[in-house]
């Protein structure tokens, strides 16, 4: 196993943990991070709406990175 494979595998594992955490922080039907930080009714007027939006962006980046590293691992270990 070369150094590139090890680096991709370590990145993949870190992204897996980050993706699990970011998905668990998302809101369900009426809760989640916004309700923990100040209630769902005040989320539009406080900063928690921005937190939810940034959490969405972070989840998209992590999911894309997960897909790329998965394809790279398939390519390296076939």
PDB file of N, CA and C in Angstrom:
ATOM      1  N   UNK A   1       0.852  -1.163   0.000  1.00  0.00           N
ATOM      2  CA  UNK A   1       0.000   0.000   0.000  1.00  0.00           C
ATOM      3  C   UNK A   1       0.904   1.234   0.000  1.00  0.00           C
ATOM      4  N   UNK A   2       0.686   2.101  -0.960  1.00  0.00           N
ATOM      5  CA  UNK A   2       1.511   3.287  -1.105  1.00  0.00           C
ATOM      6  C   UNK A   2       1.042   4.433  -0.231  1.00  0.00           C
ATOM      7  N   UNK A   3       1.818   5.502  -0.262  1.00  0.00           N
ATOM      8  CA  UNK A   3       1.519   6.664   0.572  1.00  0.00           C
ATOM      9  C   UNK A   3       0.237   7.364   0.123  1.00  0.00           C
ATOM     10  N   UNK A   4      -0.044   7.349  -1.183  1.00  0.00           N
ATOM     11  CA  UNK A   4      -1.256   8.001  -1.685  1.00  0.00           C
ATOM     12  C   UNK A   4      -2.493   7.271  -1.183  1.00  0.00           C
ATOM     13  N   UNK A   5      -2.458   5.956  -1.188  1.00  0.00           N
ATOM     14  CA  UNK A   5      -3.593   5.182  -0.700  1.00  0.00           C
ATOM     15  C   UNK A   5      -3.836   5.432   0.781  1.00  0.00           C
ATOM     16  N   UNK A   6      -2.766   5.531   1.548  1.00  0.00           N
ATOM     17  CA  UNK A   6      -2.901   5.775   2.988  1.00  0.00           C
ATOM     18  C   UNK A   6      -3.491   7.153   3.242  1.00  0.00           C
ATOM     19  N   UNK A   7      -3.034   8.146   2.497  1.00  0.00           N
ATOM     20  CA  UNK A   7      -3.552   9.502   2.666  1.00  0.00           C
ATOM     21  C   UNK A   7      -5.040   9.558   2.313  1.00  0.00           C
ATOM     22  N   UNK A   8      -5.423   8.929   1.205  1.00  0.00           N
ATOM     23  CA  UNK A   8      -6.835   8.925   0.807  1.00  0.00           C
ATOM     24  C   UNK A   8      -7.675   8.181   1.844  1.00  0.00           C
ATOM     25  N   UNK A   9      -7.159   7.097   2.383  1.00  0.00           N
ATOM     26  CA  UNK A   9      -7.892   6.337   3.400  1.00  0.00           C
ATOM     27  C   UNK A   9      -8.074   7.144   4.680  1.00  0.00           C
ATOM     28  N   UNK A  10      -7.061   7.872   5.104  1.00  0.00           N
ATOM     29  CA  UNK A  10      -7.173   8.701   6.311  1.00  0.00           C
ATOM     30  C   UNK A  10      -8.179   9.836   6.084  1.00  0.00           C
ATOM     31  N   UNK A  11      -8.116  10.471   4.917  1.00  0.00           N
ATOM     32  CA  UNK A  11      -9.075  11.529   4.595  1.00  0.00           C
ATOM     33  C   UNK A  11     -10.488  10.957   4.574  1.00  0.00           C
ATOM     34  N   UNK A  12     -10.652   9.772   4.019  1.00  0.00           N
ATOM     35  CA  UNK A  12     -11.965   9.124   3.940  1.00  0.00           C
ATOM     36  C   UNK A  12     -12.526   8.860   5.335  1.00  0.00           C
ATOM     37  N   UNK A  13     -11.710   8.375   6.226  1.00  0.00           N
ATOM     38  CA  UNK A  13     -12.166   8.077   7.584  1.00  0.00           C
ATOM     39  C   UNK A  13     -12.554   9.356   8.316  1.00  0.00           C
ATOM     40  N   UNK A  14     -11.756  10.415   8.179  1.00  0.00           N
ATOM     41  CA  UNK A  14     -12.084  11.685   8.828  1.00  0.00           C
ATOM     42  C   UNK A  14     -13.374  12.277   8.268  1.00  0.00           C
ATOM     43  N   UNK A  15     -13.561  12.171   6.959  1.00  0.00           N
ATOM     44  CA  UNK A  15     -14.777  12.683   6.334  1.00  0.00           C
ATOM     45  C   UNK A  15     -15.984  11.868   6.797  1.00  0.00           C
ATOM     46  N   UNK A  16     -15.815  10.565   6.989  1.00  0.00           N
ATOM     47  CA  UNK A  16     -16.917   9.724   7.487  1.00  0.00           C
ATOM     48  C   UNK A  16     -17.408  10.218   8.840  1.00  0.00           C
ATOM     49  N   UNK A  17     -16.479  10.464   9.761  1.00  0.00           N
ATOM     50  CA  UNK A  17     -16.875  10.952  11.078  1.00  0.00           C
ATOM     51  C   UNK A  17     -17.511  12.337  11.002  1.00  0.00           C
ATOM     52  N   UNK A  18     -16.960  13.217  10.178  1.00  0.00           N
ATOM     53  CA  UNK A  18     -17.536  14.544  10.019  1.00  0.00           C
ATOM     54  C   UNK A  18     -18.921  14.502   9.417  1.00  0.00           C
ATOM     55  N   UNK A  19     -19.137  13.609   8.460  1.00  0.00           N
ATOM     56  CA  UNK A  19     -20.443  13.482   7.827  1.00  0.00           C
ATOM     57  C   UNK A  19     -21.479  12.938   8.798  1.00  0.00           C
ATOM     58  N   UNK A  20     -21.092  11.985   9.621  1.00  0.00           N
ATOM     59  CA  UNK A  20     -22.011  11.447  10.634  1.00  0.00           C
ATOM     60  C   UNK A  20     -22.422  12.546  11.599  1.00  0.00           C
ATOM     61  N   UNK A  21     -21.467  13.333  12.058  1.00  0.00           N
ATOM     62  CA  UNK A  21     -21.765  14.399  13.015  1.00  0.00           C
ATOM     63  C   UNK A  21     -22.650  15.469  12.380  1.00  0.00           C
ATOM     64  N   UNK A  22     -22.332  15.857  11.155  1.00  0.00           N
ATOM     65  CA  UNK A  22     -23.123  16.917  10.523  1.00  0.00           C
ATOM     66  C   UNK A  22     -24.551  16.466  10.224  1.00  0.00           C
ATOM     67  N   UNK A  23     -24.744  15.216   9.869  1.00  0.00           N
ATOM     68  CA  UNK A  23     -26.101  14.717   9.623  1.00  0.00           C
ATOM     69  C   UNK A  23     -26.890  14.639  10.932  1.00  0.00           C
ATOM     70  N   UNK A  24     -26.241  14.240  12.008  1.00  0.00           N
ATOM     71  CA  UNK A  24     -26.931  14.159  13.288  1.00  0.00           C
ATOM     72  C   UNK A  24     -27.303  15.534  13.839  1.00  0.00           C
ATOM     73  N   UNK A  25     -26.587  16.574  13.449  1.00  0.00           N
ATOM     74  CA  UNK A  25     -26.902  17.921  13.909  1.00  0.00           C
ATOM     75  C   UNK A  25     -28.055  18.556  13.148  1.00  0.00           C
ATOM     76  N   UNK A  26     -28.426  18.001  12.005  1.00  0.00           N
ATOM     77  CA  UNK A  26     -29.514  18.572  11.208  1.00  0.00           C
ATOM     78  C   UNK A  26     -30.843  18.440  11.922  1.00  0.00           C
ATOM     79  N   UNK A  27     -31.739  19.338  11.548  1.00  0.00           N
ATOM     80  CA  UNK A  27     -33.051  19.333  12.177  1.00  0.00           C
ATOM     81  C   UNK A  27     -33.948  18.281  11.546  1.00  0.00           C
ATOM     82  N   UNK A  28     -34.875  17.801  12.324  1.00  0.00           N
ATOM     83  CA  UNK A  28     -35.870  16.868  11.833  1.00  0.00           C
ATOM     84  C   UNK A  28     -37.071  17.645  11.332  1.00  0.00           C
ATOM     85  N   UNK A  29     -38.266  17.229  11.741  1.00  0.00           N
ATOM     86  CA  UNK A  29     -39.472  17.932  11.296  1.00  0.00           C
ATOM     87  C   UNK A  29     -39.696  19.232  12.054  1.00  0.00           C
ATOM     88  N   UNK A  30     -39.143  19.353  13.231  1.00  0.00           N
ATOM     89  CA  UNK A  30     -39.381  20.596  13.960  1.00  0.00           C
ATOM     90  C   UNK A  30     -38.365  20.858  15.039  1.00  0.00           C
ATOM     91  N   UNK A  31     -37.129  20.493  14.793  1.00  0.00           N
ATOM     92  CA  UNK A  31     -36.157  20.695  15.845  1.00  0.00           C
ATOM     93  C   UNK A  31     -34.773  20.821  15.287  1.00  0.00           C
ATOM     94  N   UNK A  32     -33.866  20.172  15.928  1.00  0.00           N
ATOM     95  CA  UNK A  32     -32.501  20.170  15.458  1.00  0.00           C
ATOM     96  C   UNK A  32     -31.677  21.281  16.062  1.00  0.00           C
ATOM     97  N   UNK A  33     -30.694  21.703  15.351  1.00  0.00           N
ATOM     98  CA  UNK A  33     -29.745  22.673  15.854  1.00  0.00           C
ATOM     99  C   UNK A  33     -30.390  24.027  16.109  1.00  0.00           C
ATOM    100  N   UNK A  34     -31.311  24.432  15.266  1.00  0.00           N
ATOM    101  CA  UNK A  34     -31.940  25.740  15.455  1.00  0.00           C
ATOM    102  C   UNK A  34     -32.781  25.783  16.725  1.00  0.00           C
ATOM    103  N   UNK A  35     -33.470  24.708  17.048  1.00  0.00           N
ATOM    104  CA  UNK A  35     -34.287  24.714  18.256  1.00  0.00           C
ATOM    105  C   UNK A  35     -33.436  24.595  19.513  1.00  0.00           C
ATOM    106  N   UNK A  36     -32.285  23.967  19.401  1.00  0.00           N
ATOM    107  CA  UNK A  36     -31.390  23.858  20.550  1.00  0.00           C
ATOM    108  C   UNK A  36     -30.786  25.221  20.869  1.00  0.00           C
ATOM    109  N   UNK A  37     -30.520  26.013  19.844  1.00  0.00           N
ATOM    110  CA  UNK A  37     -29.841  27.291  20.051  1.00  0.00           C
ATOM    111  C   UNK A  37     -30.780  28.460  20.311  1.00  0.00           C
ATOM    112  N   UNK A  38     -32.065  28.270  20.330  1.00  0.00           N
ATOM    113  CA  UNK A  38     -32.905  29.410  20.639  1.00  0.00           C
ATOM    114  C   UNK A  38     -34.344  29.285  20.227  1.00  0.00           C
ATOM    115  N   UNK A  39     -34.784  28.145  19.841  1.00  0.00           N
ATOM    116  CA  UNK A  39     -36.182  27.968  19.481  1.00  0.00           C
ATOM    117  C   UNK A  39     -36.420  28.149  18.005  1.00  0.00           C
ATOM    118  N   UNK A  40     -37.384  27.413  17.492  1.00  0.00           N
ATOM    119  CA  UNK A  40     -37.661  27.445  16.059  1.00  0.00           C
ATOM    120  C   UNK A  40     -38.341  28.737  15.639  1.00  0.00           C
ATOM    121  N   UNK A  41     -39.107  29.368  16.539  1.00  0.00           N
ATOM    122  CA  UNK A  41     -39.823  30.582  16.153  1.00  0.00           C
ATOM    123  C   UNK A  41     -38.898  31.771  16.003  1.00  0.00           C
ATOM    124  N   UNK A  42     -37.819  31.810  16.743  1.00  0.00           N
ATOM    125  CA  UNK A  42     -36.904  32.935  16.652  1.00  0.00           C
ATOM    126  C   UNK A  42     -35.710  32.666  15.752  1.00  0.00           C
ATOM    127  N   UNK A  43     -35.745  31.550  15.036  1.00  0.00           N
ATOM    128  CA  UNK A  43     -34.582  31.190  14.238  1.00  0.00           C
ATOM    129  C   UNK A  43     -34.370  32.125  13.061  1.00  0.00           C
ATOM    130  N   UNK A  44     -35.427  32.740  12.555  1.00  0.00           N
ATOM    131  CA  UNK A  44     -35.263  33.670  11.439  1.00  0.00           C
ATOM    132  C   UNK A  44     -34.696  35.007  11.898  1.00  0.00           C
ATOM    133  N   UNK A  45     -34.887  35.336  13.165  1.00  0.00           N
ATOM    134  CA  UNK A  45     -34.451  36.635  13.659  1.00  0.00           C
ATOM    135  C   UNK A  45     -33.113  36.565  14.386  1.00  0.00           C
ATOM    136  N   UNK A  46     -32.681  35.402  14.769  1.00  0.00           N
ATOM    137  CA  UNK A  46     -31.392  35.267  15.438  1.00  0.00           C
ATOM    138  C   UNK A  46     -30.371  34.691  14.473  1.00  0.00           C
ATOM    139  N   UNK A  47     -29.214  34.324  14.979  1.00  0.00           N
ATOM    140  CA  UNK A  47     -28.161  33.820  14.124  1.00  0.00           C
ATOM    141  C   UNK A  47     -28.249  32.341  13.840  1.00  0.00           C
ATOM    142  N   UNK A  48     -29.222  31.643  14.423  1.00  0.00           N
ATOM    143  CA  UNK A  48     -29.268  30.193  14.248  1.00  0.00           C
ATOM    144  C   UNK A  48     -29.692  29.793  12.836  1.00  0.00           C
ATOM    145  N   UNK A  49     -30.410  30.670  12.124  1.00  0.00           N
ATOM    146  CA  UNK A  49     -30.747  30.372  10.731  1.00  0.00           C
ATOM    147  C   UNK A  49     -29.479  30.311   9.884  1.00  0.00           C
ATOM    148  N   UNK A  50     -28.547  31.188  10.194  1.00  0.00           N
ATOM    149  CA  UNK A  50     -27.266  31.200   9.484  1.00  0.00           C
ATOM    150  C   UNK A  50     -26.484  29.933   9.819  1.00  0.00           C
ATOM    151  N   UNK A  51     -26.588  29.480  11.058  1.00  0.00           N
ATOM    152  CA  UNK A  51     -25.903  28.253  11.462  1.00  0.00           C
ATOM    153  C   UNK A  51     -26.457  27.066  10.690  1.00  0.00           C
ATOM    154  N   UNK A  52     -27.770  26.991  10.540  1.00  0.00           N
ATOM    155  CA  UNK A  52     -28.388  25.895   9.784  1.00  0.00           C
ATOM    156  C   UNK A  52     -27.961  25.933   8.320  1.00  0.00           C
ATOM    157  N   UNK A  53     -27.900  27.132   7.752  1.00  0.00           N
ATOM    158  CA  UNK A  53     -27.497  27.267   6.358  1.00  0.00           C
ATOM    159  C   UNK A  53     -26.039  26.834   6.168  1.00  0.00           C
ATOM    160  N   UNK A  54     -25.172  27.226   7.096  1.00  0.00           N
ATOM    161  CA  UNK A  54     -23.770  26.811   7.015  1.00  0.00           C
ATOM    162  C   UNK A  54     -23.616  25.313   7.252  1.00  0.00           C
ATOM    163  N   UNK A  55     -24.460  24.748   8.106  1.00  0.00           N
ATOM    164  CA  UNK A  55     -24.437  23.308   8.335  1.00  0.00           C
ATOM    165  C   UNK A  55     -24.844  22.555   7.077  1.00  0.00           C
ATOM    166  N   UNK A  56     -25.809  23.092   6.342  1.00  0.00           N
ATOM    167  CA  UNK A  56     -26.196  22.489   5.059  1.00  0.00           C
ATOM    168  C   UNK A  56     -25.025  22.493   4.081  1.00  0.00           C
ATOM    169  N   UNK A  57     -24.348  23.618   4.002  1.00  0.00           N
ATOM    170  CA  UNK A  57     -23.194  23.723   3.094  1.00  0.00           C
ATOM    171  C   UNK A  57     -22.083  22.762   3.488  1.00  0.00           C
ATOM    172  N   UNK A  58     -21.822  22.672   4.793  1.00  0.00           N
ATOM    173  CA  UNK A  58     -20.772  21.782   5.267  1.00  0.00           C
ATOM    174  C   UNK A  58     -21.121  20.323   4.959  1.00  0.00           C
ATOM    175  N   UNK A  59     -22.379  19.962   5.108  1.00  0.00           N
ATOM    176  CA  UNK A  59     -22.813  18.601   4.821  1.00  0.00           C
ATOM    177  C   UNK A  59     -22.663  18.278   3.341  1.00  0.00           C
ATOM    178  N   UNK A  60     -22.980  19.226   2.477  1.00  0.00           N
ATOM    179  CA  UNK A  60     -22.829  19.012   1.036  1.00  0.00           C
ATOM    180  C   UNK A  60     -21.369  18.820   0.665  1.00  0.00           C
ATOM    181  N   UNK A  61     -20.485  19.629   1.238  1.00  0.00           N
ATOM    182  CA  UNK A  61     -19.047  19.493   0.957  1.00  0.00           C
ATOM    183  C   UNK A  61     -18.526  18.154   1.461  1.00  0.00           C
ATOM    184  N   UNK A  62     -18.942  17.758   2.664  1.00  0.00           N
ATOM    185  CA  UNK A  62     -18.492  16.482   3.214  1.00  0.00           C
ATOM    186  C   UNK A  62     -19.024  15.302   2.405  1.00  0.00           C
ATOM    187  N   UNK A  63     -20.267  15.387   1.959  1.00  0.00           N
ATOM    188  CA  UNK A  63     -20.835  14.297   1.156  1.00  0.00           C
ATOM    189  C   UNK A  63     -20.138  14.192  -0.194  1.00  0.00           C
ATOM    190  N   UNK A  64     -19.809  15.316  -0.795  1.00  0.00           N
ATOM    191  CA  UNK A  64     -19.080  15.293  -2.070  1.00  0.00           C
ATOM    192  C   UNK A  64     -17.683  14.726  -1.893  1.00  0.00           C
ATOM    193  N   UNK A  65     -17.021  15.124  -0.819  1.00  0.00           N
ATOM    194  CA  UNK A  65     -15.687  14.590  -0.535  1.00  0.00           C
ATOM    195  C   UNK A  65     -15.747  13.098  -0.253  1.00  0.00           C
ATOM    196  N   UNK A  66     -16.782  12.664   0.451  1.00  0.00           N
ATOM    197  CA  UNK A  66     -16.972  11.241   0.719  1.00  0.00           C
ATOM    198  C   UNK A  66     -17.122  10.456  -0.582  1.00  0.00           C
ATOM    199  N   UNK A  67     -17.904  10.989  -1.512  1.00  0.00           N
ATOM    200  CA  UNK A  67     -18.113  10.300  -2.793  1.00  0.00           C
ATOM    201  C   UNK A  67     -16.811  10.216  -3.587  1.00  0.00           C
ATOM    202  N   UNK A  68     -16.054  11.297  -3.608  1.00  0.00           N
ATOM    203  CA  UNK A  68     -14.790  11.303  -4.358  1.00  0.00           C
ATOM    204  C   UNK A  68     -13.784  10.340  -3.741  1.00  0.00           C
ATOM    205  N   UNK A  69     -13.650  10.377  -2.409  1.00  0.00           N
ATOM    206  CA  UNK A  69     -12.687   9.469  -1.779  1.00  0.00           C
ATOM    207  C   UNK A  69     -13.114   8.016  -1.909  1.00  0.00           C
ATOM    208  N   UNK A  70     -14.418   7.756  -1.915  1.00  0.00           N
ATOM    209  CA  UNK A  70     -14.897   6.386  -2.131  1.00  0.00           C
ATOM    210  C   UNK A  70     -14.508   5.889  -3.516  1.00  0.00           C
ATOM    211  N   UNK A  71     -14.707   6.723  -4.526  1.00  0.00           N
ATOM    212  CA  UNK A  71     -14.316   6.335  -5.886  1.00  0.00           C
ATOM    213  C   UNK A  71     -12.811   6.155  -6.014  1.00  0.00           C
ATOM    214  N   UNK A  72     -12.045   7.003  -5.344  1.00  0.00           N
ATOM    215  CA  UNK A  72     -10.590   6.848  -5.375  1.00  0.00           C
ATOM    216  C   UNK A  72     -10.153   5.547  -4.705  1.00  0.00           C
ATOM    217  N   UNK A  73     -10.781   5.197  -3.603  1.00  0.00           N
ATOM    218  CA  UNK A  73     -10.434   3.956  -2.921  1.00  0.00           C
ATOM    219  C   UNK A  73     -10.797   2.744  -3.766  1.00  0.00           C
ATOM    220  N   UNK A  74     -11.918   2.807  -4.454  1.00  0.00           N
ATOM    221  CA  UNK A  74     -12.299   1.715  -5.363  1.00  0.00           C
ATOM    222  C   UNK A  74     -11.269   1.589  -6.476  1.00  0.00           C
ATOM    223  N   UNK A  75     -10.832   2.717  -6.992  1.00  0.00           N
ATOM    224  CA  UNK A  75      -9.832   2.704  -8.073  1.00  0.00           C
ATOM    225  C   UNK A  75      -8.495   2.143  -7.581  1.00  0.00           C
ATOM    226  N   UNK A  76      -8.071   2.532  -6.369  1.00  0.00           N
ATOM    227  CA  UNK A  76      -6.773   2.081  -5.864  1.00  0.00           C
ATOM    228  C   UNK A  76      -6.776   0.615  -5.447  1.00  0.00           C
ATOM    229  N   UNK A  77      -7.878   0.119  -4.897  1.00  0.00           N
ATOM    230  CA  UNK A  77      -7.897  -1.218  -4.319  1.00  0.00           C
ATOM    231  C   UNK A  77      -8.657  -2.243  -5.143  1.00  0.00           C
ATOM    232  N   UNK A  78      -8.794  -2.013  -6.442  1.00  0.00           N
ATOM    233  CA  UNK A  78      -9.518  -3.001  -7.250  1.00  0.00           C
ATOM    234  C   UNK A  78      -8.662  -4.196  -7.586  1.00  0.00           C
TER     235      UNK A  78
END
